[in-house]
C-alpha atoms as a PDB file:
ATOM      1  CA  MET A   1     113.949 -12.162  44.525  1.00  0.00           C
ATOM      2  CA  LEU A   2     115.760 -12.596  47.176  1.00  0.00           C
ATOM      3  CA  GLU A   3     118.842 -11.955  45.670  1.00  0.00           C
ATOM      4  CA  GLU A   4     117.233  -8.811  44.224  1.00  0.00           C
ATOM      5  CA  PHE A   5     116.889  -7.431  47.715  1.00  0.00           C
ATOM      6  CA  GLU A   6     119.868  -8.897  49.267  1.00  0.00           C
ATOM      7  CA  ALA A   7     117.333 -10.892  51.760  1.00  0.00           C
ATOM      8  CA  ASP A   8     117.669 -14.482  53.504  1.00  0.00           C
ATOM      9  CA  LEU A   9     114.360 -16.680  53.610  1.00  0.00           C
ATOM     10  CA  VAL A  10     113.727 -17.495  56.988  1.00  0.00           C
ATOM     11  CA  GLY A  11     110.163 -18.828  56.667  1.00  0.00           C
ATOM     12  CA  ILE A  12     107.222 -18.917  54.398  1.00  0.00           C
ATOM     13  CA  GLY A  13     103.550 -17.754  55.179  1.00  0.00           C
ATOM     14  CA  VAL A  14     100.493 -18.192  53.281  1.00  0.00           C
ATOM     15  CA  LEU A  15      97.113 -16.597  54.015  1.00  0.00           C
ATOM     16  CA  VAL A  16      95.073 -19.908  53.166  1.00  0.00           C
ATOM     17  CA  GLU A  17      96.033 -23.464  53.070  1.00  0.00           C
ATOM     18  CA  SER A  18      93.782 -26.347  51.745  1.00  0.00           C
ATOM     19  CA  THR A  19      92.993 -29.340  53.613  1.00  0.00           C
ATOM     20  CA  GLU A  20      92.829 -31.678  50.317  1.00  0.00           C
ATOM     21  CA  VAL A  21      95.838 -32.068  48.885  1.00  0.00           C
ATOM     22  CA  ASN A  22      97.116 -34.825  47.537  1.00  0.00           C
ATOM     23  CA  GLU A  23     101.047 -33.754  47.684  1.00  0.00           C
ATOM     24  CA  ARG A  24     102.629 -30.760  49.485  1.00  0.00           C
ATOM     25  CA  LEU A  25     105.453 -29.297  47.728  1.00  0.00           C
ATOM     26  CA  VAL A  26     106.500 -27.467  50.892  1.00  0.00           C
ATOM     27  CA  ASP A  27     105.939 -29.187  54.616  1.00  0.00           C
ATOM     28  CA  ASP A  28     106.991 -26.142  57.128  1.00  0.00           C
ATOM     29  CA  TYR A  29     105.198 -23.500  56.537  1.00  0.00           C
ATOM     30  CA  VAL A  30     102.650 -20.983  58.941  1.00  0.00           C
ATOM     31  CA  SER A  31      99.071 -20.467  57.829  1.00  0.00           C
ATOM     32  CA  LEU A  32      96.565 -18.161  58.758  1.00  0.00           C
ATOM     33  CA  THR A  33      93.424 -19.756  57.690  1.00  0.00           C
ATOM     34  CA  LYS A  34      92.646 -23.274  56.423  1.00  0.00           C
ATOM     35  CA  LEU A  35      89.994 -24.107  53.709  1.00  0.00           C
ATOM     36  CA  THR A  36      87.755 -26.537  54.991  1.00  0.00           C
ATOM     37  CA  ASP A  37      84.673 -26.761  52.859  1.00  0.00           C
ATOM     38  CA  VAL A  38      83.553 -24.908  49.348  1.00  0.00           C
ATOM     39  CA  ASN A  39      79.970 -25.031  48.513  1.00  0.00           C
ATOM     40  CA  VAL A  40      78.948 -23.641  45.110  1.00  0.00           C
ATOM     41  CA  ARG A  41      75.277 -24.194  45.196  1.00  0.00           C
ATOM     42  CA  GLU A  42      75.044 -22.376  48.643  1.00  0.00           C
ATOM     43  CA  LYS A  43      78.139 -19.922  47.815  1.00  0.00           C
ATOM     44  CA  ARG A  44      79.384 -20.833  51.023  1.00  0.00           C
ATOM     45  CA  ILE A  45      83.144 -20.985  52.032  1.00  0.00           C
ATOM     46  CA  ASP A  46      84.509 -22.335  55.345  1.00  0.00           C
ATOM     47  CA  VAL A  47      87.556 -21.908  56.592  1.00  0.00           C
ATOM     48  CA  SER A  48      89.097 -22.709  60.012  1.00  0.00           C
ATOM     49  CA  GLU A  49      92.424 -21.262  62.056  1.00  0.00           C
ATOM     50  CA  GLY A  50      95.453 -22.529  60.452  1.00  0.00           C
ATOM     51  CA  ASN A  51      98.346 -23.565  61.928  1.00  0.00           C
ATOM     52  CA  ILE A  52      99.959 -20.654  63.412  1.00  0.00           C
ATOM     53  CA  VAL A  53      98.038 -21.263  66.539  1.00  0.00           C
ATOM     54  CA  LYS A  54     100.261 -24.405  67.035  1.00  0.00           C
ATOM     55  CA  LYS A  55     103.144 -23.039  65.852  1.00  0.00           C
ATOM     56  CA  LEU A  56     103.027 -19.535  67.972  1.00  0.00           C
ATOM     57  CA  ASN A  57     101.574 -21.926  71.047  1.00  0.00           C
ATOM     58  CA  VAL A  58      98.344 -19.531  71.663  1.00  0.00           C
END
């Protein structure tokens, strides 16, 4: 797709990252939110701020 639009990759951004991952395929990325817990019984999903806050020094 990058070639099709004659674009250059400058970074990777994700909407939600998971905390429970054995092996990450990419280490250098920016995430908006982090999935911290999923409770199926209570139908609740907990999220926290992603690493974008640290990367932007906000």
